[in-house]
Structures are given as C-alpha cells and as structure tokens.
Amino acid sequence: MIKGLGTQETERGFTIVELLIVVVVIAILAAITVVSYTGISQRAKTSRSLSTTEQVRSKAAVWNSLLNSYPDLAQLRTNSLAPPNIDTAGGATGPIEAKLSSPGVAMGATIDEVRADNGNTVYYAPCWDGTRFSGANISYWNYSTNSAVNMVTGNCP
C-alpha cells in the first residue's frame, strides 16, 4: 500500500519483544509451581510415613502393656500369638486392642523396601533383651530430607 504524505497508518499487534517477555514470565511461574508441588508432595509422603509409624508404635506398645513383651514382626502383621509364617495368622489371636486397623499398613524387611513404597511401609525390628522383646526400632523414610528416621519404643539395648 502506498502511503500518502499526510496520512499515517498505525499497525496493531504486539512486538516480538513483548511476546517474548510474556513467554518468559509464564515459564518462570510454571517453574515455581513445579518446585512447590514437588515439595508439597514430598512433605505429604513424609507425613503419611510418620502417621503409619505412630500407628505401629502405638499398637506395639499396647501389645507390650497387655502381654509384657513387644510383638515380633509376624505377630504384629497378623495379630496372632504364634503365626506359622509372616503373612498368615495362626494359633491364638493377639489382643484386639493391638490389631493394626489399616490393612494398607505394611512392615518392610529392609529400609529400602520402606523407601520404595511412598510412605505406606515402615521398618519394624523388635529388640531382644535375652528373655523377651523389650522394645522395638521403628523406621520410616523422610522424603523431604531423603533419609531414614528411626524411632525407638520400649527399651532397646
């Protein structure tokens, strides 16, 4: 189009610099959101792990107060006084007050199993004092610090 001497034509739209600034601002906001979400999900997993640990610790302490000994891993998992193996209840039933209420609670044999299960598993190891189980080490995975946290209940020599 040919412009006349006295006419001025204005073009509408955004310049490339303005568009680039908007894209950069959106990218920064997206990065902040992703970092925040990751931190929140890590704290949620840690909170779930701690809650599971507290439930196991409480039930083991109840078992101890009623039977004067902490349960071994098989007894705690099956709520049985003499289970034939780690996953099947057998023999007399343990105290109903010490039964784990959540079927999703699992006890892992190693801390690596605990870390891999996103907070649903705790590591439980009873402490033997020579005559009975006098306490227990209960560990969970802290996803925020990426390390295991050990809690002791009772007396562990």
C-alpha atoms as a PDB file:
ATOM      1  CA  MET A   1       0.000   0.000   0.000  1.00  0.00           C
ATOM      2  CA  ILE A   2       1.304   3.420  -0.822  1.00  0.00           C
ATOM      3  CA  LYS A   3       1.204   5.953   1.949  1.00  0.00           C
ATOM      4  CA  GLY A   4       0.312   9.488   1.233  1.00  0.00           C
ATOM      5  CA  LEU A   5       2.254  12.402   2.574  1.00  0.00           C
ATOM      6  CA  GLY A   6      -0.253  13.477   5.158  1.00  0.00           C
ATOM      7  CA  THR A   7      -1.561  10.078   6.198  1.00  0.00           C
ATOM      8  CA  GLN A   8      -0.148   7.857   8.868  1.00  0.00           C
ATOM      9  CA  GLU A   9      -1.165   4.215   9.150  1.00  0.00           C
ATOM     10  CA  THR A  10      -0.883   2.556  12.551  1.00  0.00           C
ATOM     11  CA  GLU A  11      -0.292  -1.158  12.776  1.00  0.00           C
ATOM     12  CA  ARG A  12      -1.922  -3.061  15.594  1.00  0.00           C
ATOM     13  CA  GLY A  13      -0.434  -6.026  17.465  1.00  0.00           C
ATOM     14  CA  PHE A  14       2.370  -6.954  19.826  1.00  0.00           C
ATOM     15  CA  THR A  15       6.022  -6.671  19.086  1.00  0.00           C
ATOM     16  CA  ILE A  16       8.252  -9.723  19.314  1.00  0.00           C
ATOM     17  CA  VAL A  17       9.896  -8.310  22.461  1.00  0.00           C
ATOM     18  CA  GLU A  18       6.539  -8.011  24.230  1.00  0.00           C
ATOM     19  CA  LEU A  19       5.602 -11.570  23.298  1.00  0.00           C
ATOM     20  CA  LEU A  20       8.974 -12.824  24.460  1.00  0.00           C
ATOM     21  CA  ILE A  21       8.565 -11.122  27.849  1.00  0.00           C
ATOM     22  CA  VAL A  22       5.148 -12.753  28.332  1.00  0.00           C
ATOM     23  CA  VAL A  23       6.538 -16.202  27.468  1.00  0.00           C
ATOM     24  CA  VAL A  24       9.433 -15.770  29.918  1.00  0.00           C
ATOM     25  CA  VAL A  25       7.085 -14.686  32.734  1.00  0.00           C
ATOM     26  CA  ILE A  26       4.828 -17.719  32.115  1.00  0.00           C
ATOM     27  CA  ALA A  27       7.859 -20.039  32.129  1.00  0.00           C
ATOM     28  CA  ILE A  28       9.058 -18.615  35.459  1.00  0.00           C
ATOM     29  CA  LEU A  29       5.618 -19.060  37.023  1.00  0.00           C
ATOM     30  CA  ALA A  30       5.452 -22.655  35.727  1.00  0.00           C
ATOM     31  CA  ALA A  31       8.878 -23.453  37.210  1.00  0.00           C
ATOM     32  CA  ILE A  32       7.854 -22.049  40.608  1.00  0.00           C
ATOM     33  CA  THR A  33       4.665 -24.130  40.537  1.00  0.00           C
ATOM     34  CA  VAL A  34       6.514 -27.367  39.735  1.00  0.00           C
ATOM     35  CA  VAL A  35       9.046 -26.815  42.525  1.00  0.00           C
ATOM     36  CA  SER A  36       6.284 -26.029  45.029  1.00  0.00           C
ATOM     37  CA  TYR A  37       4.266 -29.090  44.018  1.00  0.00           C
ATOM     38  CA  THR A  38       7.290 -31.368  44.422  1.00  0.00           C
ATOM     39  CA  GLY A  39       7.962 -30.040  47.920  1.00  0.00           C
ATOM     40  CA  ILE A  40       4.329 -30.409  48.945  1.00  0.00           C
ATOM     41  CA  SER A  41       4.116 -33.989  47.678  1.00  0.00           C
ATOM     42  CA  GLN A  42       7.357 -34.907  49.487  1.00  0.00           C
ATOM     43  CA  ARG A  43       6.003 -33.489  52.745  1.00  0.00           C
ATOM     44  CA  ALA A  44       2.724 -35.383  52.239  1.00  0.00           C
ATOM     45  CA  LYS A  45       4.570 -38.683  51.777  1.00  0.00           C
ATOM     46  CA  THR A  46       6.671 -37.993  54.881  1.00  0.00           C
ATOM     47  CA  SER A  47       3.539 -37.168  56.867  1.00  0.00           C
ATOM     48  CA  ARG A  48       1.911 -40.426  55.744  1.00  0.00           C
ATOM     49  CA  SER A  49       5.068 -42.327  56.752  1.00  0.00           C
ATOM     50  CA  LEU A  50       5.112 -40.700  60.183  1.00  0.00           C
ATOM     51  CA  SER A  51       1.416 -41.445  60.706  1.00  0.00           C
ATOM     52  CA  THR A  52       1.970 -45.102  59.804  1.00  0.00           C
ATOM     53  CA  THR A  53       4.953 -45.244  62.173  1.00  0.00           C
ATOM     54  CA  GLU A  54       2.928 -43.763  65.024  1.00  0.00           C
ATOM     55  CA  GLN A  55       0.164 -46.325  64.456  1.00  0.00           C
ATOM     56  CA  VAL A  56       2.638 -49.226  64.537  1.00  0.00           C
ATOM     57  CA  ARG A  57       4.393 -47.804  67.599  1.00  0.00           C
ATOM     58  CA  SER A  58       1.115 -47.367  69.443  1.00  0.00           C
ATOM     59  CA  LYS A  59      -0.086 -50.890  68.639  1.00  0.00           C
ATOM     60  CA  ALA A  60       3.263 -52.413  69.671  1.00  0.00           C
ATOM     61  CA  ALA A  61       3.100 -50.522  72.978  1.00  0.00           C
ATOM     62  CA  VAL A  62      -0.447 -51.785  73.606  1.00  0.00           C
ATOM     63  CA  TRP A  63       0.728 -55.341  72.861  1.00  0.00           C
ATOM     64  CA  ASN A  64       3.537 -54.860  75.378  1.00  0.00           C
ATOM     65  CA  SER A  65       1.252 -53.466  78.078  1.00  0.00           C
ATOM     66  CA  LEU A  66      -1.148 -56.406  77.730  1.00  0.00           C
ATOM     67  CA  LEU A  67       1.349 -59.263  77.226  1.00  0.00           C
ATOM     68  CA  ASN A  68       4.524 -57.862  78.846  1.00  0.00           C
ATOM     69  CA  SER A  69       6.502 -58.277  75.630  1.00  0.00           C
ATOM     70  CA  TYR A  70       6.676 -56.463  72.312  1.00  0.00           C
ATOM     71  CA  PRO A  71       5.443 -58.451  69.304  1.00  0.00           C
ATOM     72  CA  ASP A  72       7.768 -59.764  66.643  1.00  0.00           C
ATOM     73  CA  LEU A  73       7.155 -58.746  63.043  1.00  0.00           C
ATOM     74  CA  ALA A  74       4.922 -61.745  62.245  1.00  0.00           C
ATOM     75  CA  GLN A  75       2.798 -61.242  65.364  1.00  0.00           C
ATOM     76  CA  LEU A  76       2.330 -57.559  64.621  1.00  0.00           C
ATOM     77  CA  ARG A  77       1.382 -58.159  60.981  1.00  0.00           C
ATOM     78  CA  THR A  78      -1.100 -60.957  61.680  1.00  0.00           C
ATOM     79  CA  ASN A  79      -2.233 -60.117  65.250  1.00  0.00           C
ATOM     80  CA  SER A  80      -1.573 -63.738  66.139  1.00  0.00           C
ATOM     81  CA  LEU A  81       0.342 -65.051  69.139  1.00  0.00           C
ATOM     82  CA  ALA A  82       2.020 -67.850  67.173  1.00  0.00           C
ATOM     83  CA  PRO A  83       1.760 -67.302  63.419  1.00  0.00           C
ATOM     84  CA  PRO A  84       3.073 -70.165  61.241  1.00  0.00           C
ATOM     85  CA  ASN A  85       4.681 -67.655  58.883  1.00  0.00           C
ATOM     86  CA  ILE A  86       4.954 -63.923  58.451  1.00  0.00           C
ATOM     87  CA  ASP A  87       1.790 -63.410  56.385  1.00  0.00           C
ATOM     88  CA  THR A  88      -0.678 -65.959  57.765  1.00  0.00           C
ATOM     89  CA  ALA A  89      -2.381 -65.786  61.117  1.00  0.00           C
ATOM     90  CA  GLY A  90      -2.296 -68.950  63.189  1.00  0.00           C
ATOM     91  CA  GLY A  91      -2.583 -70.007  66.781  1.00  0.00           C
ATOM     92  CA  ALA A  92      -4.295 -67.829  69.351  1.00  0.00           C
ATOM     93  CA  THR A  93      -5.318 -64.319  68.389  1.00  0.00           C
ATOM     94  CA  GLY A  94      -3.382 -61.442  69.865  1.00  0.00           C
ATOM     95  CA  PRO A  95      -5.013 -58.600  71.777  1.00  0.00           C
ATOM     96  CA  ILE A  96      -7.727 -56.950  69.727  1.00  0.00           C
ATOM     97  CA  GLU A  97      -6.559 -53.565  71.027  1.00  0.00           C
ATOM     98  CA  ALA A  98      -3.182 -54.162  69.348  1.00  0.00           C
ATOM     99  CA  LYS A  99      -4.583 -55.081  65.940  1.00  0.00           C
ATOM    100  CA  LEU A 100      -3.483 -52.741  63.152  1.00  0.00           C
ATOM    101  CA  SER A 101      -6.626 -51.020  61.925  1.00  0.00           C
ATOM    102  CA  SER A 102      -5.400 -50.157  58.457  1.00  0.00           C
ATOM    103  CA  PRO A 103      -4.936 -53.079  56.068  1.00  0.00           C
ATOM    104  CA  GLY A 104      -2.677 -50.841  53.967  1.00  0.00           C
ATOM    105  CA  VAL A 105      -0.050 -50.706  56.719  1.00  0.00           C
ATOM    106  CA  ALA A 106       2.883 -52.898  55.795  1.00  0.00           C
ATOM    107  CA  MET A 107       6.103 -53.706  57.565  1.00  0.00           C
ATOM    108  CA  GLY A 108       9.176 -53.943  55.393  1.00  0.00           C
ATOM    109  CA  ALA A 109      12.120 -56.223  55.963  1.00  0.00           C
ATOM    110  CA  THR A 110      14.630 -53.579  54.880  1.00  0.00           C
ATOM    111  CA  ILE A 111      14.724 -49.795  54.830  1.00  0.00           C
ATOM    112  CA  ASP A 112      14.966 -49.942  51.006  1.00  0.00           C
ATOM    113  CA  GLU A 113      11.506 -51.528  50.908  1.00  0.00           C
ATOM    114  CA  VAL A 114      10.257 -48.718  53.111  1.00  0.00           C
ATOM    115  CA  ARG A 115      11.697 -46.011  50.841  1.00  0.00           C
ATOM    116  CA  ALA A 116      10.246 -47.584  47.701  1.00  0.00           C
ATOM    117  CA  ASP A 117       6.661 -47.715  48.968  1.00  0.00           C
ATOM    118  CA  ASN A 118       5.840 -43.973  49.051  1.00  0.00           C
ATOM    119  CA  GLY A 119       5.162 -43.805  52.774  1.00  0.00           C
ATOM    120  CA  ASN A 120       2.904 -46.824  53.190  1.00  0.00           C
ATOM    121  CA  THR A 121       5.520 -49.076  54.752  1.00  0.00           C
ATOM    122  CA  VAL A 122       7.534 -48.868  57.956  1.00  0.00           C
ATOM    123  CA  TYR A 123      10.501 -50.930  59.109  1.00  0.00           C
ATOM    124  CA  TYR A 124       9.841 -52.759  62.384  1.00  0.00           C
ATOM    125  CA  ALA A 125      12.547 -54.605  64.302  1.00  0.00           C
ATOM    126  CA  PRO A 126      11.898 -55.827  67.848  1.00  0.00           C
ATOM    127  CA  CYS A 127      14.750 -55.642  70.405  1.00  0.00           C
ATOM    128  CA  TRP A 128      15.641 -58.830  72.286  1.00  0.00           C
ATOM    129  CA  ASP A 129      16.983 -58.419  75.824  1.00  0.00           C
ATOM    130  CA  GLY A 130      17.788 -62.115  76.358  1.00  0.00           C
ATOM    131  CA  THR A 131      14.410 -63.163  77.743  1.00  0.00           C
ATOM    132  CA  ARG A 132      11.780 -61.232  75.799  1.00  0.00           C
ATOM    133  CA  PHE A 133      11.243 -58.480  73.256  1.00  0.00           C
ATOM    134  CA  SER A 134      11.730 -55.394  75.414  1.00  0.00           C
ATOM    135  CA  GLY A 135      11.246 -52.758  72.731  1.00  0.00           C
ATOM    136  CA  ALA A 136      11.332 -52.085  69.026  1.00  0.00           C
ATOM    137  CA  ASN A 137      13.055 -49.939  66.438  1.00  0.00           C
ATOM    138  CA  ILE A 138      10.558 -48.483  64.002  1.00  0.00           C
ATOM    139  CA  SER A 139      11.880 -46.605  60.987  1.00  0.00           C
ATOM    140  CA  TYR A 140      10.230 -44.613  58.258  1.00  0.00           C
ATOM    141  CA  TRP A 141      11.510 -42.731  55.220  1.00  0.00           C
ATOM    142  CA  ASN A 142      11.608 -38.927  55.330  1.00  0.00           C
ATOM    143  CA  TYR A 143      11.116 -37.895  51.699  1.00  0.00           C
ATOM    144  CA  SER A 144      11.934 -34.245  52.388  1.00  0.00           C
ATOM    145  CA  THR A 145      15.443 -34.978  53.695  1.00  0.00           C
ATOM    146  CA  ASN A 146      15.783 -38.227  51.706  1.00  0.00           C
ATOM    147  CA  SER A 147      16.851 -40.208  54.759  1.00  0.00           C
ATOM    148  CA  ALA A 148      15.587 -42.814  57.208  1.00  0.00           C
ATOM    149  CA  VAL A 149      14.269 -41.757  60.607  1.00  0.00           C
ATOM    150  CA  ASN A 150      14.422 -44.258  63.462  1.00  0.00           C
ATOM    151  CA  MET A 151      12.065 -44.199  66.448  1.00  0.00           C
ATOM    152  CA  VAL A 152      12.561 -46.427  69.480  1.00  0.00           C
ATOM    153  CA  THR A 153       9.736 -47.668  71.654  1.00  0.00           C
ATOM    154  CA  GLY A 154      10.437 -49.519  74.884  1.00  0.00           C
ATOM    155  CA  ASN A 155      13.989 -50.476  75.825  1.00  0.00           C
ATOM    156  CA  CYS A 156      16.403 -51.426  73.075  1.00  0.00           C
ATOM    157  CA  PRO A 157      19.828 -52.500  74.367  1.00  0.00           C
END
